[in-house]
Every structure is written in C-alpha cells, then in structure tokens.
Amino acid sequence: MLEKEIVVSNKLGLHARASAKLVQLVQSFKSTVWLISKGREVNAQSIMGVMMLAAGIGTPLTIRVDGPDESAAISAVVDLFDRKFDEGM
C-alpha cells in the first residue's frame, strides 16, 4: 500500500470534469485508489464519491493505493493533479 499527501491546486478543484478525468484514469489500473479528505475516504472509481469530497483549491488530500500496479497508479494520479487536470489554469 502506498500513500501520498497532495494539495488540490487547480482553480476549480474537483469539479465534474476533473472528477471524470480522475475516475477514467484510475479505472485503467488494477489497484484500488482511495482519496481521503476531512475524515472522508472514497473510492476514486466513484465519480459521485469523488465529487462529494467537495475538494476545492487548497484542499489537502491523501491518495492511498493498494494493488499489483500501485506504484504506477499513484504516479499517474499525482501527475494528473500536478498537471491541474490539463485545464490550463
């Protein structure tokens, strides 16, 4: 199991489009990806779960990944956040 602390840095936070990109990305891995924020833990494969975190800009998140390709999965998720979901903001 791997964990990484990040901070949401895109202007709009985890809004619908960003959440959809995240869900689509994590579904390509065999590992399970969890997002943890404010005491809530959600499966990143659930768009409703991700959106219910209401993670706006500046929100700290913990990414937890467990499974056979966890290293690649956590790297890809962190990269997506670092790229600000390719929103150009």
PDB file of N, CA and C in Angstrom:
ATOM      1  N   MET A   1       0.845  -1.175   0.000  1.00  0.00           N
ATOM      2  CA  MET A   1       0.000   0.000   0.000  1.00  0.00           C
ATOM      3  C   MET A   1       0.890   1.237   0.000  1.00  0.00           C
ATOM      4  N   LEU A   2       0.542   2.197  -0.848  1.00  0.00           N
ATOM      5  CA  LEU A   2       1.273   3.456  -0.940  1.00  0.00           C
ATOM      6  C   LEU A   2       0.348   4.607  -0.602  1.00  0.00           C
ATOM      7  N   GLU A   3       0.920   5.651   0.002  1.00  0.00           N
ATOM      8  CA  GLU A   3       0.149   6.861   0.312  1.00  0.00           C
ATOM      9  C   GLU A   3       0.967   8.082  -0.066  1.00  0.00           C
ATOM     10  N   LYS A   4       0.264   9.121  -0.479  1.00  0.00           N
ATOM     11  CA  LYS A   4       0.909  10.386  -0.824  1.00  0.00           C
ATOM     12  C   LYS A   4      -0.019  11.523  -0.443  1.00  0.00           C
ATOM     13  N   GLU A   5       0.541  12.530   0.214  1.00  0.00           N
ATOM     14  CA  GLU A   5      -0.218  13.730   0.572  1.00  0.00           C
ATOM     15  C   GLU A   5      -0.068  14.743  -0.556  1.00  0.00           C
ATOM     16  N   ILE A   6      -1.182  15.323  -0.990  1.00  0.00           N
ATOM     17  CA  ILE A   6      -1.143  16.367  -2.011  1.00  0.00           C
ATOM     18  C   ILE A   6      -2.103  17.477  -1.610  1.00  0.00           C
ATOM     19  N   VAL A   7      -2.055  18.572  -2.350  1.00  0.00           N
ATOM     20  CA  VAL A   7      -2.992  19.672  -2.161  1.00  0.00           C
ATOM     21  C   VAL A   7      -3.620  19.964  -3.519  1.00  0.00           C
ATOM     22  N   VAL A   8      -4.933  20.081  -3.557  1.00  0.00           N
ATOM     23  CA  VAL A   8      -5.631  20.388  -4.809  1.00  0.00           C
ATOM     24  C   VAL A   8      -5.188  21.785  -5.250  1.00  0.00           C
ATOM     25  N   SER A   9      -4.665  21.875  -6.480  1.00  0.00           N
ATOM     26  CA  SER A   9      -4.111  23.152  -6.922  1.00  0.00           C
ATOM     27  C   SER A   9      -4.775  23.723  -8.171  1.00  0.00           C
ATOM     28  N   ASN A  10      -5.692  22.973  -8.781  1.00  0.00           N
ATOM     29  CA  ASN A  10      -6.370  23.547  -9.941  1.00  0.00           C
ATOM     30  C   ASN A  10      -7.464  24.505  -9.471  1.00  0.00           C
ATOM     31  N   LYS A  11      -7.705  25.519 -10.276  1.00  0.00           N
ATOM     32  CA  LYS A  11      -8.572  26.634  -9.887  1.00  0.00           C
ATOM     33  C   LYS A  11      -9.973  26.216  -9.445  1.00  0.00           C
ATOM     34  N   LEU A  12     -10.536  25.220 -10.114  1.00  0.00           N
ATOM     35  CA  LEU A  12     -11.922  24.828  -9.834  1.00  0.00           C
ATOM     36  C   LEU A  12     -12.042  23.632  -8.892  1.00  0.00           C
ATOM     37  N   GLY A  13     -10.904  23.067  -8.462  1.00  0.00           N
ATOM     38  CA  GLY A  13     -10.952  21.918  -7.559  1.00  0.00           C
ATOM     39  C   GLY A  13     -11.476  20.687  -8.272  1.00  0.00           C
ATOM     40  N   LEU A  14     -11.999  19.750  -7.489  1.00  0.00           N
ATOM     41  CA  LEU A  14     -12.522  18.502  -8.064  1.00  0.00           C
ATOM     42  C   LEU A  14     -13.970  18.685  -8.520  1.00  0.00           C
ATOM     43  N   HIS A  15     -14.147  19.488  -9.549  1.00  0.00           N
ATOM     44  CA  HIS A  15     -15.469  19.693 -10.141  1.00  0.00           C
ATOM     45  C   HIS A  15     -15.782  18.511 -11.060  1.00  0.00           C
ATOM     46  N   ALA A  16     -16.884  18.544 -11.765  1.00  0.00           N
ATOM     47  CA  ALA A  16     -17.354  17.384 -12.529  1.00  0.00           C
ATOM     48  C   ALA A  16     -16.350  16.911 -13.577  1.00  0.00           C
ATOM     49  N   ARG A  17     -15.787  17.817 -14.371  1.00  0.00           N
ATOM     50  CA  ARG A  17     -14.878  17.406 -15.437  1.00  0.00           C
ATOM     51  C   ARG A  17     -13.590  16.808 -14.860  1.00  0.00           C
ATOM     52  N   ALA A  18     -13.038  17.451 -13.853  1.00  0.00           N
ATOM     53  CA  ALA A  18     -11.819  16.938 -13.219  1.00  0.00           C
ATOM     54  C   ALA A  18     -12.085  15.583 -12.561  1.00  0.00           C
ATOM     55  N   SER A  19     -13.212  15.454 -11.900  1.00  0.00           N
ATOM     56  CA  SER A  19     -13.564  14.178 -11.261  1.00  0.00           C
ATOM     57  C   SER A  19     -13.690  13.079 -12.301  1.00  0.00           C
ATOM     58  N   ALA A  20     -14.308  13.386 -13.441  1.00  0.00           N
ATOM     59  CA  ALA A  20     -14.469  12.397 -14.506  1.00  0.00           C
ATOM     60  C   ALA A  20     -13.107  11.952 -15.042  1.00  0.00           C
ATOM     61  N   LYS A  21     -12.176  12.900 -15.215  1.00  0.00           N
ATOM     62  CA  LYS A  21     -10.827  12.544 -15.676  1.00  0.00           C
ATOM     63  C   LYS A  21     -10.132  11.629 -14.676  1.00  0.00           C
ATOM     64  N   LEU A  22     -10.282  11.934 -13.403  1.00  0.00           N
ATOM     65  CA  LEU A  22      -9.657  11.122 -12.365  1.00  0.00           C
ATOM     66  C   LEU A  22     -10.233   9.717 -12.364  1.00  0.00           C
ATOM     67  N   VAL A  23     -11.553   9.599 -12.407  1.00  0.00           N
ATOM     68  CA  VAL A  23     -12.220   8.289 -12.403  1.00  0.00           C
ATOM     69  C   VAL A  23     -11.789   7.478 -13.620  1.00  0.00           C
ATOM     70  N   GLN A  24     -11.748   8.114 -14.785  1.00  0.00           N
ATOM     71  CA  GLN A  24     -11.340   7.426 -16.004  1.00  0.00           C
ATOM     72  C   GLN A  24      -9.896   6.919 -15.888  1.00  0.00           C
ATOM     73  N   LEU A  25      -9.026   7.735 -15.306  1.00  0.00           N
ATOM     74  CA  LEU A  25      -7.630   7.343 -15.135  1.00  0.00           C
ATOM     75  C   LEU A  25      -7.496   6.140 -14.205  1.00  0.00           C
ATOM     76  N   VAL A  26      -8.116   6.193 -13.041  1.00  0.00           N
ATOM     77  CA  VAL A  26      -7.918   5.119 -12.056  1.00  0.00           C
ATOM     78  C   VAL A  26      -8.561   3.809 -12.504  1.00  0.00           C
ATOM     79  N   GLN A  27      -9.567   3.875 -13.371  1.00  0.00           N
ATOM     80  CA  GLN A  27     -10.188   2.649 -13.867  1.00  0.00           C
ATOM     81  C   GLN A  27      -9.262   1.867 -14.785  1.00  0.00           C
ATOM     82  N   SER A  28      -8.183   2.494 -15.242  1.00  0.00           N
ATOM     83  CA  SER A  28      -7.247   1.796 -16.118  1.00  0.00           C
ATOM     84  C   SER A  28      -6.218   0.973 -15.338  1.00  0.00           C
ATOM     85  N   PHE A  29      -6.282   1.024 -14.006  1.00  0.00           N
ATOM     86  CA  PHE A  29      -5.349   0.276 -13.164  1.00  0.00           C
ATOM     87  C   PHE A  29      -6.076  -0.848 -12.428  1.00  0.00           C
ATOM     88  N   LYS A  30      -5.307  -1.883 -12.077  1.00  0.00           N
ATOM     89  CA  LYS A  30      -5.874  -2.987 -11.298  1.00  0.00           C
ATOM     90  C   LYS A  30      -5.973  -2.627  -9.818  1.00  0.00           C
ATOM     91  N   SER A  31      -5.116  -1.712  -9.378  1.00  0.00           N
ATOM     92  CA  SER A  31      -5.092  -1.308  -7.970  1.00  0.00           C
ATOM     93  C   SER A  31      -6.327  -0.485  -7.609  1.00  0.00           C
ATOM     94  N   THR A  32      -6.638  -0.488  -6.332  1.00  0.00           N
ATOM     95  CA  THR A  32      -7.723   0.351  -5.817  1.00  0.00           C
ATOM     96  C   THR A  32      -7.134   1.669  -5.337  1.00  0.00           C
ATOM     97  N   VAL A  33      -7.733   2.764  -5.764  1.00  0.00           N
ATOM     98  CA  VAL A  33      -7.278   4.102  -5.396  1.00  0.00           C
ATOM     99  C   VAL A  33      -8.329   4.741  -4.502  1.00  0.00           C
ATOM    100  N   TRP A  34      -7.882   5.244  -3.352  1.00  0.00           N
ATOM    101  CA  TRP A  34      -8.763   5.922  -2.406  1.00  0.00           C
ATOM    102  C   TRP A  34      -8.327   7.369  -2.259  1.00  0.00           C
ATOM    103  N   LEU A  35      -9.276   8.268  -2.101  1.00  0.00           N
ATOM    104  CA  LEU A  35      -8.989   9.667  -1.768  1.00  0.00           C
ATOM    105  C   LEU A  35      -9.530   9.918  -0.369  1.00  0.00           C
ATOM    106  N   ILE A  36      -8.723  10.559   0.459  1.00  0.00           N
ATOM    107  CA  ILE A  36      -9.116  10.823   1.842  1.00  0.00           C
ATOM    108  C   ILE A  36      -9.022  12.319   2.082  1.00  0.00           C
ATOM    109  N   SER A  37     -10.105  12.900   2.583  1.00  0.00           N
ATOM    110  CA  SER A  37     -10.148  14.328   2.869  1.00  0.00           C
ATOM    111  C   SER A  37     -11.159  14.585   3.979  1.00  0.00           C
ATOM    112  N   LYS A  38     -10.752  15.387   4.939  1.00  0.00           N
ATOM    113  CA  LYS A  38     -11.657  15.808   6.028  1.00  0.00           C
ATOM    114  C   LYS A  38     -12.348  14.619   6.690  1.00  0.00           C
ATOM    115  N   GLY A  39     -11.618  13.527   6.895  1.00  0.00           N
ATOM    116  CA  GLY A  39     -12.185  12.362   7.557  1.00  0.00           C
ATOM    117  C   GLY A  39     -13.017  11.461   6.670  1.00  0.00           C
ATOM    118  N   ARG A  40     -13.182  11.829   5.406  1.00  0.00           N
ATOM    119  CA  ARG A  40     -13.931  11.002   4.465  1.00  0.00           C
ATOM    120  C   ARG A  40     -12.963  10.240   3.582  1.00  0.00           C
ATOM    121  N   GLU A  41     -13.297   8.993   3.317  1.00  0.00           N
ATOM    122  CA  GLU A  41     -12.485   8.167   2.435  1.00  0.00           C
ATOM    123  C   GLU A  41     -13.388   7.627   1.343  1.00  0.00           C
ATOM    124  N   VAL A  42     -13.041   7.923   0.073  1.00  0.00           N
ATOM    125  CA  VAL A  42     -13.881   7.478  -1.046  1.00  0.00           C
ATOM    126  C   VAL A  42     -13.039   6.731  -2.068  1.00  0.00           C
ATOM    127  N   ASN A  43     -13.672   5.787  -2.735  1.00  0.00           N
ATOM    128  CA  ASN A  43     -13.039   5.065  -3.828  1.00  0.00           C
ATOM    129  C   ASN A  43     -12.992   6.009  -5.027  1.00  0.00           C
ATOM    130  N   ALA A  44     -11.802   6.207  -5.593  1.00  0.00           N
ATOM    131  CA  ALA A  44     -11.638   7.147  -6.705  1.00  0.00           C
ATOM    132  C   ALA A  44     -12.271   6.644  -7.998  1.00  0.00           C
ATOM    133  N   GLN A  45     -12.818   5.416  -8.001  1.00  0.00           N
ATOM    134  CA  GLN A  45     -13.547   4.936  -9.170  1.00  0.00           C
ATOM    135  C   GLN A  45     -15.004   5.403  -9.159  1.00  0.00           C
ATOM    136  N   SER A  46     -15.410   6.030  -8.078  1.00  0.00           N
ATOM    137  CA  SER A  46     -16.793   6.507  -7.954  1.00  0.00           C
ATOM    138  C   SER A  46     -16.848   8.009  -8.179  1.00  0.00           C
ATOM    139  N   ILE A  47     -17.429   8.421  -9.304  1.00  0.00           N
ATOM    140  CA  ILE A  47     -17.486   9.850  -9.591  1.00  0.00           C
ATOM    141  C   ILE A  47     -18.310  10.585  -8.535  1.00  0.00           C
ATOM    142  N   MET A  48     -19.372   9.961  -8.058  1.00  0.00           N
ATOM    143  CA  MET A  48     -20.186  10.616  -7.026  1.00  0.00           C
ATOM    144  C   MET A  48     -19.391  10.758  -5.732  1.00  0.00           C
ATOM    145  N   GLY A  49     -18.640   9.717  -5.379  1.00  0.00           N
ATOM    146  CA  GLY A  49     -17.816   9.778  -4.180  1.00  0.00           C
ATOM    147  C   GLY A  49     -16.778  10.880  -4.269  1.00  0.00           C
ATOM    148  N   VAL A  50     -16.094  10.957  -5.408  1.00  0.00           N
ATOM    149  CA  VAL A  50     -15.064  11.980  -5.600  1.00  0.00           C
ATOM    150  C   VAL A  50     -15.674  13.370  -5.511  1.00  0.00           C
ATOM    151  N   MET A  51     -16.809  13.577  -6.164  1.00  0.00           N
ATOM    152  CA  MET A  51     -17.440  14.902  -6.145  1.00  0.00           C
ATOM    153  C   MET A  51     -17.969  15.256  -4.758  1.00  0.00           C
ATOM    154  N   MET A  52     -18.404  14.249  -3.986  1.00  0.00           N
ATOM    155  CA  MET A  52     -18.925  14.525  -2.644  1.00  0.00           C
ATOM    156  C   MET A  52     -17.838  14.984  -1.674  1.00  0.00           C
ATOM    157  N   LEU A  53     -16.561  14.782  -2.033  1.00  0.00           N
ATOM    158  CA  LEU A  53     -15.485  15.317  -1.194  1.00  0.00           C
ATOM    159  C   LEU A  53     -15.493  16.847  -1.193  1.00  0.00           C
ATOM    160  N   ALA A  54     -16.083  17.429  -2.233  1.00  0.00           N
ATOM    161  CA  ALA A  54     -16.146  18.895  -2.366  1.00  0.00           C
ATOM    162  C   ALA A  54     -14.769  19.512  -2.141  1.00  0.00           C
ATOM    163  N   ALA A  55     -13.767  18.932  -2.804  1.00  0.00           N
ATOM    164  CA  ALA A  55     -12.385  19.371  -2.620  1.00  0.00           C
ATOM    165  C   ALA A  55     -12.080  20.541  -3.547  1.00  0.00           C
ATOM    166  N   GLY A  56     -12.089  21.730  -2.992  1.00  0.00           N
ATOM    167  CA  GLY A  56     -11.756  22.924  -3.755  1.00  0.00           C
ATOM    168  C   GLY A  56     -10.266  23.187  -3.734  1.00  0.00           C
ATOM    169  N   ILE A  57      -9.868  24.266  -4.371  1.00  0.00           N
ATOM    170  CA  ILE A  57      -8.455  24.628  -4.420  1.00  0.00           C
ATOM    171  C   ILE A  57      -7.922  24.793  -2.997  1.00  0.00           C
ATOM    172  N   GLY A  58      -6.743  24.252  -2.749  1.00  0.00           N
ATOM    173  CA  GLY A  58      -6.123  24.340  -1.434  1.00  0.00           C
ATOM    174  C   GLY A  58      -6.494  23.227  -0.471  1.00  0.00           C
ATOM    175  N   THR A  59      -7.389  22.335  -0.887  1.00  0.00           N
ATOM    176  CA  THR A  59      -7.814  21.233  -0.018  1.00  0.00           C
ATOM    177  C   THR A  59      -6.734  20.159   0.038  1.00  0.00           C
ATOM    178  N   PRO A  60      -6.276  19.791   1.245  1.00  0.00           N
ATOM    179  CA  PRO A  60      -5.309  18.693   1.329  1.00  0.00           C
ATOM    180  C   PRO A  60      -6.015  17.348   1.145  1.00  0.00           C
ATOM    181  N   LEU A  61      -5.368  16.461   0.390  1.00  0.00           N
ATOM    182  CA  LEU A  61      -5.901  15.128   0.136  1.00  0.00           C
ATOM    183  C   LEU A  61      -4.805  14.107   0.392  1.00  0.00           C
ATOM    184  N   THR A  62      -5.222  12.927   0.807  1.00  0.00           N
ATOM    185  CA  THR A  62      -4.316  11.792   0.860  1.00  0.00           C
ATOM    186  C   THR A  62      -4.761  10.822  -0.221  1.00  0.00           C
ATOM    187  N   ILE A  63      -3.823  10.406  -1.050  1.00  0.00           N
ATOM    188  CA  ILE A  63      -4.082   9.387  -2.062  1.00  0.00           C
ATOM    189  C   ILE A  63      -3.532   8.081  -1.501  1.00  0.00           C
ATOM    190  N   ARG A  64      -4.379   7.069  -1.436  1.00  0.00           N
ATOM    191  CA  ARG A  64      -3.954   5.750  -0.951  1.00  0.00           C
ATOM    192  C   ARG A  64      -4.217   4.740  -2.062  1.00  0.00           C
ATOM    193  N   VAL A  65      -3.212   3.963  -2.401  1.00  0.00           N
ATOM    194  CA  VAL A  65      -3.334   2.998  -3.490  1.00  0.00           C
ATOM    195  C   VAL A  65      -2.865   1.635  -2.997  1.00  0.00           C
ATOM    196  N   ASP A  66      -3.639   0.612  -3.317  1.00  0.00           N
ATOM    197  CA  ASP A  66      -3.293  -0.742  -2.911  1.00  0.00           C
ATOM    198  C   ASP A  66      -3.585  -1.687  -4.061  1.00  0.00           C
ATOM    199  N   GLY A  67      -2.573  -2.443  -4.470  1.00  0.00           N
ATOM    200  CA  GLY A  67      -2.791  -3.420  -5.531  1.00  0.00           C
ATOM    201  C   GLY A  67      -1.523  -3.704  -6.299  1.00  0.00           C
ATOM    202  N   PRO A  68      -1.649  -4.531  -7.341  1.00  0.00           N
ATOM    203  CA  PRO A  68      -0.472  -5.003  -8.063  1.00  0.00           C
ATOM    204  C   PRO A  68       0.285  -3.928  -8.842  1.00  0.00           C
ATOM    205  N   ASP A  69      -0.400  -2.866  -9.270  1.00  0.00           N
ATOM    206  CA  ASP A  69       0.265  -1.806 -10.030  1.00  0.00           C
ATOM    207  C   ASP A  69       0.183  -0.473  -9.281  1.00  0.00           C
ATOM    208  N   GLU A  70       0.274  -0.552  -7.957  1.00  0.00           N
ATOM    209  CA  GLU A  70       0.077   0.637  -7.112  1.00  0.00           C
ATOM    210  C   GLU A  70       1.084   1.746  -7.400  1.00  0.00           C
ATOM    211  N   SER A  71       2.320   1.397  -7.699  1.00  0.00           N
ATOM    212  CA  SER A  71       3.340   2.417  -7.948  1.00  0.00           C
ATOM    213  C   SER A  71       2.999   3.236  -9.192  1.00  0.00           C
ATOM    214  N   ALA A  72       2.632   2.553 -10.264  1.00  0.00           N
ATOM    215  CA  ALA A  72       2.245   3.251 -11.495  1.00  0.00           C
ATOM    216  C   ALA A  72       0.966   4.054 -11.287  1.00  0.00           C
ATOM    217  N   ALA A  73       0.020   3.503 -10.540  1.00  0.00           N
ATOM    218  CA  ALA A  73      -1.259   4.180 -10.309  1.00  0.00           C
ATOM    219  C   ALA A  73      -1.071   5.463  -9.519  1.00  0.00           C
ATOM    220  N   ILE A  74      -0.298   5.413  -8.437  1.00  0.00           N
ATOM    221  CA  ILE A  74      -0.135   6.613  -7.622  1.00  0.00           C
ATOM    222  C   ILE A  74       0.639   7.681  -8.398  1.00  0.00           C
ATOM    223  N   SER A  75       1.615   7.260  -9.194  1.00  0.00           N
ATOM    224  CA  SER A  75       2.360   8.217 -10.014  1.00  0.00           C
ATOM    225  C   SER A  75       1.448   8.910 -11.018  1.00  0.00           C
ATOM    226  N   ALA A  76       0.575   8.152 -11.651  1.00  0.00           N
ATOM    227  CA  ALA A  76      -0.340   8.715 -12.645  1.00  0.00           C
ATOM    228  C   ALA A  76      -1.331   9.682 -12.010  1.00  0.00           C
ATOM    229  N   VAL A  77      -1.862   9.327 -10.829  1.00  0.00           N
ATOM    230  CA  VAL A  77      -2.823  10.203 -10.145  1.00  0.00           C
ATOM    231  C   VAL A  77      -2.144  11.500  -9.694  1.00  0.00           C
ATOM    232  N   VAL A  78      -0.965  11.383  -9.096  1.00  0.00           N
ATOM    233  CA  VAL A  78      -0.231  12.581  -8.656  1.00  0.00           C
ATOM    234  C   VAL A  78       0.085  13.466  -9.856  1.00  0.00           C
ATOM    235  N   ASP A  79       0.489  12.847 -10.974  1.00  0.00           N
ATOM    236  CA  ASP A  79       0.796  13.609 -12.184  1.00  0.00           C
ATOM    237  C   ASP A  79      -0.432  14.361 -12.689  1.00  0.00           C
ATOM    238  N   LEU A  80      -1.603  13.726 -12.657  1.00  0.00           N
ATOM    239  CA  LEU A  80      -2.837  14.384 -13.093  1.00  0.00           C
ATOM    240  C   LEU A  80      -3.121  15.614 -12.233  1.00  0.00           C
ATOM    241  N   PHE A  81      -2.965  15.485 -10.914  1.00  0.00           N
ATOM    242  CA  PHE A  81      -3.153  16.635 -10.031  1.00  0.00           C
ATOM    243  C   PHE A  81      -2.102  17.705 -10.306  1.00  0.00           C
ATOM    244  N   ASP A  82      -0.851  17.299 -10.504  1.00  0.00           N
ATOM    245  CA  ASP A  82       0.228  18.256 -10.781  1.00  0.00           C
ATOM    246  C   ASP A  82      -0.008  19.018 -12.075  1.00  0.00           C
ATOM    247  N   ARG A  83      -0.607  18.354 -13.059  1.00  0.00           N
ATOM    248  CA  ARG A  83      -0.915  18.997 -14.346  1.00  0.00           C
ATOM    249  C   ARG A  83      -2.194  19.824 -14.274  1.00  0.00           C
ATOM    250  N   LYS A  84      -2.786  19.880 -13.096  1.00  0.00           N
ATOM    251  CA  LYS A  84      -4.037  20.612 -12.875  1.00  0.00           C
ATOM    252  C   LYS A  84      -5.130  20.151 -13.821  1.00  0.00           C
ATOM    253  N   PHE A  85      -5.169  18.834 -14.042  1.00  0.00           N
ATOM    254  CA  PHE A  85      -6.195  18.181 -14.849  1.00  0.00           C
ATOM    255  C   PHE A  85      -6.211  18.704 -16.290  1.00  0.00           C
ATOM    256  N   ASP A  86      -5.072  19.228 -16.737  1.00  0.00           N
ATOM    257  CA  ASP A  86      -4.906  19.760 -18.106  1.00  0.00           C
ATOM    258  C   ASP A  86      -5.911  20.867 -18.408  1.00  0.00           C
ATOM    259  N   GLU A  87      -6.269  21.625 -17.397  1.00  0.00           N
ATOM    260  CA  GLU A  87      -7.258  22.695 -17.588  1.00  0.00           C
ATOM    261  C   GLU A  87      -6.619  24.025 -17.967  1.00  0.00           C
ATOM    262  N   GLY A  88      -5.309  24.092 -17.947  1.00  0.00           N
ATOM    263  CA  GLY A  88      -4.632  25.333 -18.329  1.00  0.00           C
ATOM    264  C   GLY A  88      -4.842  26.471 -17.350  1.00  0.00           C
ATOM    265  N   MET A  89      -5.110  26.131 -16.088  1.00  0.00           N
ATOM    266  CA  MET A  89      -5.345  27.186 -15.086  1.00  0.00           C
ATOM    267  C   MET A  89      -4.330  27.088 -13.985  1.00  0.00           C
TER     268      MET A  89
END
